[in-house]
Amino acid sequence: MTYSNNIRFEDMLSVRYAGLRIAPTRAAQRELFKLGLDLQDCVEILDDGYSPRKRAKDTIERWLDKGNKTLNAVIAKDYDDTRNEECWVLIHIGKFTKRK
């Protein structure tokens, strides 16, 4: 399964996590815009957040609590044929209220 087919070349920024560039999918770009976030916010979630559950190999999900809301980001490692390099693909970012 390849996520890099869903990346537009214009959207490839040089924001990095764990040494690899982060490239958002179109769906993730819409989620970022809707939440008013950018890729730097994703890096903050990935660096400072915690892992709520186990994901597949080379897939990372992190949650970060901010007040009564929780931000979550999901990235997967993939190979970008356009730039001939490995990268992280942001496949989801969201915000929700945790139940008590």
PDB file of N, CA and C in Angstrom:
ATOM      1  N   MET A   1       0.853  -1.171   0.000  1.00  0.00           N
ATOM      2  CA  MET A   1       0.000   0.000   0.000  1.00  0.00           C
ATOM      3  C   MET A   1       0.898   1.234   0.000  1.00  0.00           C
ATOM      4  N   THR A   2       0.687   2.119  -0.941  1.00  0.00           N
ATOM      5  CA  THR A   2       1.530   3.298  -1.063  1.00  0.00           C
ATOM      6  C   THR A   2       0.696   4.549  -0.874  1.00  0.00           C
ATOM      7  N   TYR A   3       1.129   5.399   0.049  1.00  0.00           N
ATOM      8  CA  TYR A   3       0.445   6.661   0.288  1.00  0.00           C
ATOM      9  C   TYR A   3       1.027   7.778  -0.565  1.00  0.00           C
ATOM     10  N   SER A   4       2.264   7.627  -1.028  1.00  0.00           N
ATOM     11  CA  SER A   4       2.917   8.725  -1.728  1.00  0.00           C
ATOM     12  C   SER A   4       2.259   9.042  -3.065  1.00  0.00           C
ATOM     13  N   ASN A   5       1.422   8.179  -3.580  1.00  0.00           N
ATOM     14  CA  ASN A   5       0.705   8.490  -4.813  1.00  0.00           C
ATOM     15  C   ASN A   5      -0.304   9.611  -4.614  1.00  0.00           C
ATOM     16  N   ASN A   6      -0.641   9.908  -3.362  1.00  0.00           N
ATOM     17  CA  ASN A   6      -1.657  10.899  -3.043  1.00  0.00           C
ATOM     18  C   ASN A   6      -1.035  12.216  -2.573  1.00  0.00           C
ATOM     19  N   ILE A   7       0.225  12.481  -2.959  1.00  0.00           N
ATOM     20  CA  ILE A   7       0.931  13.689  -2.546  1.00  0.00           C
ATOM     21  C   ILE A   7       1.114  14.584  -3.759  1.00  0.00           C
ATOM     22  N   ARG A   8       0.773  15.841  -3.614  1.00  0.00           N
ATOM     23  CA  ARG A   8       1.018  16.801  -4.685  1.00  0.00           C
ATOM     24  C   ARG A   8       2.398  17.385  -4.505  1.00  0.00           C
ATOM     25  N   PHE A   9       3.128  17.567  -5.612  1.00  0.00           N
ATOM     26  CA  PHE A   9       4.501  18.062  -5.546  1.00  0.00           C
ATOM     27  C   PHE A   9       4.570  19.446  -4.922  1.00  0.00           C
ATOM     28  N   GLU A  10       3.579  20.304  -5.186  1.00  0.00           N
ATOM     29  CA  GLU A  10       3.592  21.668  -4.652  1.00  0.00           C
ATOM     30  C   GLU A  10       3.494  21.693  -3.129  1.00  0.00           C
ATOM     31  N   ASP A  11       2.962  20.627  -2.548  1.00  0.00           N
ATOM     32  CA  ASP A  11       2.707  20.604  -1.112  1.00  0.00           C
ATOM     33  C   ASP A  11       3.854  20.029  -0.293  1.00  0.00           C
ATOM     34  N   MET A  12       4.917  19.638  -0.950  1.00  0.00           N
ATOM     35  CA  MET A  12       6.031  19.032  -0.234  1.00  0.00           C
ATOM     36  C   MET A  12       6.864  20.107   0.440  1.00  0.00           C
ATOM     37  N   LEU A  13       6.797  20.135   1.752  1.00  0.00           N
ATOM     38  CA  LEU A  13       7.532  21.118   2.534  1.00  0.00           C
ATOM     39  C   LEU A  13       8.717  20.436   3.188  1.00  0.00           C
ATOM     40  N   SER A  14       9.595  21.222   3.736  1.00  0.00           N
ATOM     41  CA  SER A  14      10.800  20.655   4.332  1.00  0.00           C
ATOM     42  C   SER A  14      10.671  20.488   5.845  1.00  0.00           C
ATOM     43  N   VAL A  15       9.468  20.325   6.354  1.00  0.00           N
ATOM     44  CA  VAL A  15       9.266  20.057   7.780  1.00  0.00           C
ATOM     45  C   VAL A  15       9.657  18.602   8.021  1.00  0.00           C
ATOM     46  N   ARG A  16      10.469  18.372   9.063  1.00  0.00           N
ATOM     47  CA  ARG A  16      11.012  17.035   9.296  1.00  0.00           C
ATOM     48  C   ARG A  16      10.673  16.509  10.691  1.00  0.00           C
ATOM     49  N   TYR A  17      10.549  15.199  10.749  1.00  0.00           N
ATOM     50  CA  TYR A  17      10.372  14.488  12.014  1.00  0.00           C
ATOM     51  C   TYR A  17      11.279  13.262  11.972  1.00  0.00           C
ATOM     52  N   ALA A  18      12.087  13.085  12.983  1.00  0.00           N
ATOM     53  CA  ALA A  18      13.021  11.955  13.086  1.00  0.00           C
ATOM     54  C   ALA A  18      13.904  11.848  11.846  1.00  0.00           C
ATOM     55  N   GLY A  19      14.304  12.986  11.305  1.00  0.00           N
ATOM     56  CA  GLY A  19      15.223  13.012  10.180  1.00  0.00           C
ATOM     57  C   GLY A  19      14.599  12.862   8.813  1.00  0.00           C
ATOM     58  N   LEU A  20      13.302  12.588   8.742  1.00  0.00           N
ATOM     59  CA  LEU A  20      12.634  12.431   7.454  1.00  0.00           C
ATOM     60  C   LEU A  20      11.609  13.536   7.250  1.00  0.00           C
ATOM     61  N   ARG A  21      11.433  13.934   6.001  1.00  0.00           N
ATOM     62  CA  ARG A  21      10.478  14.975   5.639  1.00  0.00           C
ATOM     63  C   ARG A  21       9.054  14.473   5.837  1.00  0.00           C
ATOM     64  N   ILE A  22       8.148  15.377   6.231  1.00  0.00           N
ATOM     65  CA  ILE A  22       6.731  15.046   6.373  1.00  0.00           C
ATOM     66  C   ILE A  22       5.979  15.627   5.182  1.00  0.00           C
ATOM     67  N   ALA A  23       5.230  14.774   4.493  1.00  0.00           N
ATOM     68  CA  ALA A  23       4.409  15.196   3.362  1.00  0.00           C
ATOM     69  C   ALA A  23       2.956  14.826   3.655  1.00  0.00           C
ATOM     70  N   PRO A  24       2.042  15.789   3.656  1.00  0.00           N
ATOM     71  CA  PRO A  24       0.639  15.463   3.948  1.00  0.00           C
ATOM     72  C   PRO A  24      -0.100  14.956   2.712  1.00  0.00           C
ATOM     73  N   THR A  25      -1.050  14.063   2.930  1.00  0.00           N
ATOM     74  CA  THR A  25      -1.948  13.666   1.853  1.00  0.00           C
ATOM     75  C   THR A  25      -2.963  14.795   1.641  1.00  0.00           C
ATOM     76  N   ARG A  26      -3.734  14.708   0.588  1.00  0.00           N
ATOM     77  CA  ARG A  26      -4.749  15.751   0.336  1.00  0.00           C
ATOM     78  C   ARG A  26      -5.787  15.777   1.452  1.00  0.00           C
ATOM     79  N   ALA A  27      -6.173  14.601   1.931  1.00  0.00           N
ATOM     80  CA  ALA A  27      -7.155  14.535   3.013  1.00  0.00           C
ATOM     81  C   ALA A  27      -6.585  15.172   4.282  1.00  0.00           C
ATOM     82  N   ALA A  28      -5.321  14.898   4.567  1.00  0.00           N
ATOM     83  CA  ALA A  28      -4.680  15.486   5.751  1.00  0.00           C
ATOM     84  C   ALA A  28      -4.546  17.001   5.599  1.00  0.00           C
ATOM     85  N   GLN A  29      -4.316  17.490   4.387  1.00  0.00           N
ATOM     86  CA  GLN A  29      -4.249  18.933   4.161  1.00  0.00           C
ATOM     87  C   GLN A  29      -5.587  19.589   4.472  1.00  0.00           C
ATOM     88  N   ARG A  30      -6.669  18.945   4.070  1.00  0.00           N
ATOM     89  CA  ARG A  30      -7.994  19.479   4.381  1.00  0.00           C
ATOM     90  C   ARG A  30      -8.231  19.492   5.885  1.00  0.00           C
ATOM     91  N   GLU A  31      -7.793  18.437   6.579  1.00  0.00           N
ATOM     92  CA  GLU A  31      -7.946  18.386   8.032  1.00  0.00           C
ATOM     93  C   GLU A  31      -7.112  19.472   8.704  1.00  0.00           C
ATOM     94  N   LEU A  32      -5.886  19.689   8.233  1.00  0.00           N
ATOM     95  CA  LEU A  32      -5.040  20.753   8.786  1.00  0.00           C
ATOM     96  C   LEU A  32      -5.714  22.113   8.624  1.00  0.00           C
ATOM     97  N   PHE A  33      -6.245  22.369   7.438  1.00  0.00           N
ATOM     98  CA  PHE A  33      -6.897  23.650   7.157  1.00  0.00           C
ATOM     99  C   PHE A  33      -8.134  23.826   8.036  1.00  0.00           C
ATOM    100  N   LYS A  34      -8.918  22.776   8.167  1.00  0.00           N
ATOM    101  CA  LYS A  34     -10.142  22.842   8.967  1.00  0.00           C
ATOM    102  C   LYS A  34      -9.838  23.138  10.435  1.00  0.00           C
ATOM    103  N   LEU A  35      -8.741  22.560  10.951  1.00  0.00           N
ATOM    104  CA  LEU A  35      -8.367  22.763  12.349  1.00  0.00           C
ATOM    105  C   LEU A  35      -7.504  24.002  12.567  1.00  0.00           C
ATOM    106  N   GLY A  36      -7.050  24.637  11.494  1.00  0.00           N
ATOM    107  CA  GLY A  36      -6.194  25.812  11.618  1.00  0.00           C
ATOM    108  C   GLY A  36      -4.787  25.464  12.088  1.00  0.00           C
ATOM    109  N   LEU A  37      -4.302  24.303  11.712  1.00  0.00           N
ATOM    110  CA  LEU A  37      -2.972  23.842  12.108  1.00  0.00           C
ATOM    111  C   LEU A  37      -2.039  23.815  10.898  1.00  0.00           C
ATOM    112  N   ASP A  38      -0.742  23.633  11.160  1.00  0.00           N
ATOM    113  CA  ASP A  38       0.223  23.446  10.084  1.00  0.00           C
ATOM    114  C   ASP A  38       1.126  22.265  10.425  1.00  0.00           C
ATOM    115  N   LEU A  39       2.094  21.985   9.566  1.00  0.00           N
ATOM    116  CA  LEU A  39       2.954  20.828   9.785  1.00  0.00           C
ATOM    117  C   LEU A  39       3.840  20.973  11.016  1.00  0.00           C
ATOM    118  N   GLN A  40       4.175  22.202  11.401  1.00  0.00           N
ATOM    119  CA  GLN A  40       4.953  22.397  12.621  1.00  0.00           C
ATOM    120  C   GLN A  40       4.153  21.945  13.846  1.00  0.00           C
ATOM    121  N   ASP A  41       2.846  22.163  13.822  1.00  0.00           N
ATOM    122  CA  ASP A  41       1.992  21.681  14.908  1.00  0.00           C
ATOM    123  C   ASP A  41       1.999  20.148  14.956  1.00  0.00           C
ATOM    124  N   CYS A  42       2.053  19.514  13.790  1.00  0.00           N
ATOM    125  CA  CYS A  42       2.126  18.055  13.735  1.00  0.00           C
ATOM    126  C   CYS A  42       3.410  17.552  14.374  1.00  0.00           C
ATOM    127  N   VAL A  43       4.512  18.236  14.100  1.00  0.00           N
ATOM    128  CA  VAL A  43       5.783  17.843  14.698  1.00  0.00           C
ATOM    129  C   VAL A  43       5.723  17.988  16.216  1.00  0.00           C
ATOM    130  N   GLU A  44       5.063  19.037  16.695  1.00  0.00           N
ATOM    131  CA  GLU A  44       4.896  19.220  18.143  1.00  0.00           C
ATOM    132  C   GLU A  44       4.098  18.063  18.740  1.00  0.00           C
ATOM    133  N   ILE A  45       3.027  17.659  18.084  1.00  0.00           N
ATOM    134  CA  ILE A  45       2.212  16.539  18.561  1.00  0.00           C
ATOM    135  C   ILE A  45       3.050  15.262  18.579  1.00  0.00           C
ATOM    136  N   LEU A  46       3.818  15.037  17.530  1.00  0.00           N
ATOM    137  CA  LEU A  46       4.624  13.820  17.443  1.00  0.00           C
ATOM    138  C   LEU A  46       5.752  13.810  18.471  1.00  0.00           C
ATOM    139  N   ASP A  47       6.363  14.965  18.722  1.00  0.00           N
ATOM    140  CA  ASP A  47       7.465  15.041  19.684  1.00  0.00           C
ATOM    141  C   ASP A  47       6.979  14.960  21.129  1.00  0.00           C
ATOM    142  N   ASP A  48       5.937  15.695  21.461  1.00  0.00           N
ATOM    143  CA  ASP A  48       5.498  15.828  22.856  1.00  0.00           C
ATOM    144  C   ASP A  48       4.359  14.890  23.239  1.00  0.00           C
ATOM    145  N   GLY A  49       3.746  14.230  22.259  1.00  0.00           N
ATOM    146  CA  GLY A  49       2.578  13.402  22.534  1.00  0.00           C
ATOM    147  C   GLY A  49       2.917  12.019  23.047  1.00  0.00           C
ATOM    148  N   TYR A  50       1.873  11.254  23.302  1.00  0.00           N
ATOM    149  CA  TYR A  50       2.023   9.884  23.787  1.00  0.00           C
ATOM    150  C   TYR A  50       1.309   8.940  22.832  1.00  0.00           C
ATOM    151  N   SER A  51       1.714   7.684  22.884  1.00  0.00           N
ATOM    152  CA  SER A  51       1.156   6.680  21.984  1.00  0.00           C
ATOM    153  C   SER A  51      -0.012   5.970  22.664  1.00  0.00           C
ATOM    154  N   PRO A  52      -1.242   6.135  22.156  1.00  0.00           N
ATOM    155  CA  PRO A  52      -2.411   5.550  22.821  1.00  0.00           C
ATOM    156  C   PRO A  52      -2.604   4.066  22.542  1.00  0.00           C
ATOM    157  N   ARG A  53      -2.104   3.592  21.402  1.00  0.00           N
ATOM    158  CA  ARG A  53      -2.294   2.188  21.027  1.00  0.00           C
ATOM    159  C   ARG A  53      -1.221   1.780  20.023  1.00  0.00           C
ATOM    160  N   LYS A  54      -1.118   0.493  19.827  1.00  0.00           N
ATOM    161  CA  LYS A  54      -0.128  -0.034  18.897  1.00  0.00           C
ATOM    162  C   LYS A  54      -0.663   0.066  17.473  1.00  0.00           C
ATOM    163  N   ARG A  55       0.190   0.513  16.572  1.00  0.00           N
ATOM    164  CA  ARG A  55      -0.146   0.609  15.154  1.00  0.00           C
ATOM    165  C   ARG A  55       0.719  -0.351  14.353  1.00  0.00           C
ATOM    166  N   ALA A  56       0.466  -0.431  13.065  1.00  0.00           N
ATOM    167  CA  ALA A  56       1.248  -1.293  12.181  1.00  0.00           C
ATOM    168  C   ALA A  56       2.700  -0.819  12.125  1.00  0.00           C
ATOM    169  N   LYS A  57       3.566  -1.672  11.646  1.00  0.00           N
ATOM    170  CA  LYS A  57       4.978  -1.331  11.521  1.00  0.00           C
ATOM    171  C   LYS A  57       5.127  -0.095  10.636  1.00  0.00           C
ATOM    172  N   ASP A  58       6.034   0.800  11.004  1.00  0.00           N
ATOM    173  CA  ASP A  58       6.319   2.048  10.284  1.00  0.00           C
ATOM    174  C   ASP A  58       5.134   3.008  10.262  1.00  0.00           C
ATOM    175  N   THR A  59       4.215   2.867  11.193  1.00  0.00           N
ATOM    176  CA  THR A  59       3.105   3.805  11.358  1.00  0.00           C
ATOM    177  C   THR A  59       3.121   4.288  12.807  1.00  0.00           C
ATOM    178  N   ILE A  60       3.033   5.600  12.984  1.00  0.00           N
ATOM    179  CA  ILE A  60       3.084   6.201  14.319  1.00  0.00           C
ATOM    180  C   ILE A  60       1.822   7.015  14.541  1.00  0.00           C
ATOM    181  N   GLU A  61       1.200   6.814  15.691  1.00  0.00           N
ATOM    182  CA  GLU A  61       0.074   7.649  16.115  1.00  0.00           C
ATOM    183  C   GLU A  61       0.426   8.242  17.469  1.00  0.00           C
ATOM    184  N   ARG A  62       0.239   9.538  17.604  1.00  0.00           N
ATOM    185  CA  ARG A  62       0.517  10.225  18.864  1.00  0.00           C
ATOM    186  C   ARG A  62      -0.655  11.122  19.213  1.00  0.00           C
ATOM    187  N   TRP A  63      -0.951  11.198  20.535  1.00  0.00           N
ATOM    188  CA  TRP A  63      -1.981  12.085  21.060  1.00  0.00           C
ATOM    189  C   TRP A  63      -1.313  13.113  21.952  1.00  0.00           C
ATOM    190  N   LEU A  64      -1.828  14.329  21.925  1.00  0.00           N
ATOM    191  CA  LEU A  64      -1.330  15.402  22.779  1.00  0.00           C
ATOM    192  C   LEU A  64      -2.526  16.111  23.398  1.00  0.00           C
ATOM    193  N   ASP A  65      -2.580  16.126  24.735  1.00  0.00           N
ATOM    194  CA  ASP A  65      -3.672  16.780  25.452  1.00  0.00           C
ATOM    195  C   ASP A  65      -3.408  18.276  25.550  1.00  0.00           C
ATOM    196  N   LYS A  66      -4.421  19.076  25.178  1.00  0.00           N
ATOM    197  CA  LYS A  66      -4.386  20.537  25.290  1.00  0.00           C
ATOM    198  C   LYS A  66      -5.697  20.970  25.914  1.00  0.00           C
ATOM    199  N   GLY A  67      -5.664  21.239  27.204  1.00  0.00           N
ATOM    200  CA  GLY A  67      -6.896  21.597  27.898  1.00  0.00           C
ATOM    201  C   GLY A  67      -7.832  20.407  27.933  1.00  0.00           C
ATOM    202  N   ASN A  68      -9.091  20.626  27.540  1.00  0.00           N
ATOM    203  CA  ASN A  68     -10.037  19.514  27.519  1.00  0.00           C
ATOM    204  C   ASN A  68     -10.087  18.828  26.149  1.00  0.00           C
ATOM    205  N   LYS A  69      -9.244  19.238  25.237  1.00  0.00           N
ATOM    206  CA  LYS A  69      -9.178  18.649  23.896  1.00  0.00           C
ATOM    207  C   LYS A  69      -7.922  17.796  23.754  1.00  0.00           C
ATOM    208  N   THR A  70      -7.989  16.843  22.850  1.00  0.00           N
ATOM    209  CA  THR A  70      -6.843  16.006  22.521  1.00  0.00           C
ATOM    210  C   THR A  70      -6.607  16.087  21.020  1.00  0.00           C
ATOM    211  N   LEU A  71      -5.367  16.400  20.635  1.00  0.00           N
ATOM    212  CA  LEU A  71      -4.973  16.417  19.233  1.00  0.00           C
ATOM    213  C   LEU A  71      -4.317  15.090  18.915  1.00  0.00           C
ATOM    214  N   ASN A  72      -4.592  14.537  17.739  1.00  0.00           N
ATOM    215  CA  ASN A  72      -3.922  13.308  17.349  1.00  0.00           C
ATOM    216  C   ASN A  72      -3.390  13.430  15.923  1.00  0.00           C
ATOM    217  N   ALA A  73      -2.258  12.775  15.696  1.00  0.00           N
ATOM    218  CA  ALA A  73      -1.622  12.769  14.381  1.00  0.00           C
ATOM    219  C   ALA A  73      -1.181  11.351  14.067  1.00  0.00           C
ATOM    220  N   VAL A  74      -1.364  10.951  12.806  1.00  0.00           N
ATOM    221  CA  VAL A  74      -0.961   9.623  12.349  1.00  0.00           C
ATOM    222  C   VAL A  74      -0.080   9.803  11.126  1.00  0.00           C
ATOM    223  N   ILE A  75       1.136   9.235  11.195  1.00  0.00           N
ATOM    224  CA  ILE A  75       2.056   9.282  10.066  1.00  0.00           C
ATOM    225  C   ILE A  75       2.493   7.870   9.726  1.00  0.00           C
ATOM    226  N   ALA A  76       2.841   7.657   8.460  1.00  0.00           N
ATOM    227  CA  ALA A  76       3.323   6.360   8.000  1.00  0.00           C
ATOM    228  C   ALA A  76       4.571   6.582   7.159  1.00  0.00           C
ATOM    229  N   LYS A  77       5.530   5.702   7.310  1.00  0.00           N
ATOM    230  CA  LYS A  77       6.761   5.802   6.533  1.00  0.00           C
ATOM    231  C   LYS A  77       6.495   5.282   5.130  1.00  0.00           C
ATOM    232  N   ASP A  78       7.004   5.998   4.129  1.00  0.00           N
ATOM    233  CA  ASP A  78       6.803   5.614   2.737  1.00  0.00           C
ATOM    234  C   ASP A  78       7.976   6.097   1.916  1.00  0.00           C
ATOM    235  N   TYR A  79       8.030   5.683   0.674  1.00  0.00           N
ATOM    236  CA  TYR A  79       9.077   6.102  -0.246  1.00  0.00           C
ATOM    237  C   TYR A  79       8.480   7.043  -1.281  1.00  0.00           C
ATOM    238  N   ASP A  80       9.077   8.214  -1.424  1.00  0.00           N
ATOM    239  CA  ASP A  80       8.614   9.217  -2.381  1.00  0.00           C
ATOM    240  C   ASP A  80       9.384   9.053  -3.683  1.00  0.00           C
ATOM    241  N   ASP A  81       8.693   8.598  -4.729  1.00  0.00           N
ATOM    242  CA  ASP A  81       9.345   8.374  -6.017  1.00  0.00           C
ATOM    243  C   ASP A  81       9.772   9.676  -6.684  1.00  0.00           C
ATOM    244  N   THR A  82       9.073  10.766  -6.399  1.00  0.00           N
ATOM    245  CA  THR A  82       9.403  12.054  -7.012  1.00  0.00           C
ATOM    246  C   THR A  82      10.768  12.546  -6.568  1.00  0.00           C
ATOM    247  N   ARG A  83      11.039  12.435  -5.287  1.00  0.00           N
ATOM    248  CA  ARG A  83      12.315  12.911  -4.740  1.00  0.00           C
ATOM    249  C   ARG A  83      13.301  11.788  -4.457  1.00  0.00           C
ATOM    250  N   ASN A  84      12.911  10.562  -4.708  1.00  0.00           N
ATOM    251  CA  ASN A  84      13.769   9.399  -4.477  1.00  0.00           C
ATOM    252  C   ASN A  84      14.317   9.363  -3.053  1.00  0.00           C
ATOM    253  N   GLU A  85      13.407   9.447  -2.086  1.00  0.00           N
ATOM    254  CA  GLU A  85      13.810   9.399  -0.688  1.00  0.00           C
ATOM    255  C   GLU A  85      12.664   8.862   0.159  1.00  0.00           C
ATOM    256  N   GLU A  86      13.015   8.344   1.330  1.00  0.00           N
ATOM    257  CA  GLU A  86      11.992   7.949   2.284  1.00  0.00           C
ATOM    258  C   GLU A  86      11.432   9.195   2.939  1.00  0.00           C
ATOM    259  N   CYS A  87      10.164   9.137   3.306  1.00  0.00           N
ATOM    260  CA  CYS A  87       9.536  10.273   3.975  1.00  0.00           C
ATOM    261  C   CYS A  87       8.426   9.752   4.878  1.00  0.00           C
ATOM    262  N   TRP A  88       7.961  10.625   5.758  1.00  0.00           N
ATOM    263  CA  TRP A  88       6.762  10.357   6.546  1.00  0.00           C
ATOM    264  C   TRP A  88       5.591  10.952   5.787  1.00  0.00           C
ATOM    265  N   VAL A  89       4.500  10.238   5.719  1.00  0.00           N
ATOM    266  CA  VAL A  89       3.282  10.742   5.092  1.00  0.00           C
ATOM    267  C   VAL A  89       2.255  10.956   6.199  1.00  0.00           C
ATOM    268  N   LEU A  90       1.812  12.203   6.348  1.00  0.00           N
ATOM    269  CA  LEU A  90       0.766  12.515   7.319  1.00  0.00           C
ATOM    270  C   LEU A  90      -0.554  12.045   6.729  1.00  0.00           C
ATOM    271  N   ILE A  91      -1.153  11.027   7.366  1.00  0.00           N
ATOM    272  CA  ILE A  91      -2.388  10.477   6.815  1.00  0.00           C
ATOM    273  C   ILE A  91      -3.626  10.913   7.583  1.00  0.00           C
ATOM    274  N   HIS A  92      -3.431  11.427   8.809  1.00  0.00           N
ATOM    275  CA  HIS A  92      -4.590  11.916   9.571  1.00  0.00           C
ATOM    276  C   HIS A  92      -4.127  12.861  10.666  1.00  0.00           C
ATOM    277  N   ILE A  93      -4.913  13.893  10.889  1.00  0.00           N
ATOM    278  CA  ILE A  93      -4.745  14.759  12.053  1.00  0.00           C
ATOM    279  C   ILE A  93      -6.136  15.149  12.507  1.00  0.00           C
ATOM    280  N   GLY A  94      -6.358  15.129  13.802  1.00  0.00           N
ATOM    281  CA  GLY A  94      -7.695  15.426  14.301  1.00  0.00           C
ATOM    282  C   GLY A  94      -7.667  16.017  15.695  1.00  0.00           C
ATOM    283  N   LYS A  95      -8.852  16.448  16.131  1.00  0.00           N
ATOM    284  CA  LYS A  95      -9.039  17.013  17.470  1.00  0.00           C
ATOM    285  C   LYS A  95     -10.343  16.464  18.006  1.00  0.00           C
ATOM    286  N   PHE A  96     -10.325  16.030  19.266  1.00  0.00           N
ATOM    287  CA  PHE A  96     -11.538  15.503  19.871  1.00  0.00           C
ATOM    288  C   PHE A  96     -11.512  15.753  21.375  1.00  0.00           C
ATOM    289  N   THR A  97     -12.656  15.573  22.003  1.00  0.00           N
ATOM    290  CA  THR A  97     -12.789  15.685  23.449  1.00  0.00           C
ATOM    291  C   THR A  97     -12.809  14.273  24.027  1.00  0.00           C
ATOM    292  N   LYS A  98     -11.900  14.017  24.962  1.00  0.00           N
ATOM    293  CA  LYS A  98     -11.844  12.698  25.576  1.00  0.00           C
ATOM    294  C   LYS A  98     -12.988  12.532  26.566  1.00  0.00           C
ATOM    295  N   ARG A  99     -13.521  11.330  26.617  1.00  0.00           N
ATOM    296  CA  ARG A  99     -14.571  11.010  27.586  1.00  0.00           C
ATOM    297  C   ARG A  99     -13.926  10.648  28.905  1.00  0.00           C
ATOM    298  N   LYS A 100     -14.634  10.959  29.982  1.00  0.00           N
ATOM    299  CA  LYS A 100     -14.108  10.637  31.317  1.00  0.00           C
ATOM    300  C   LYS A 100     -14.638   9.319  31.796  1.00  0.00           C
TER     301      LYS A 100
END
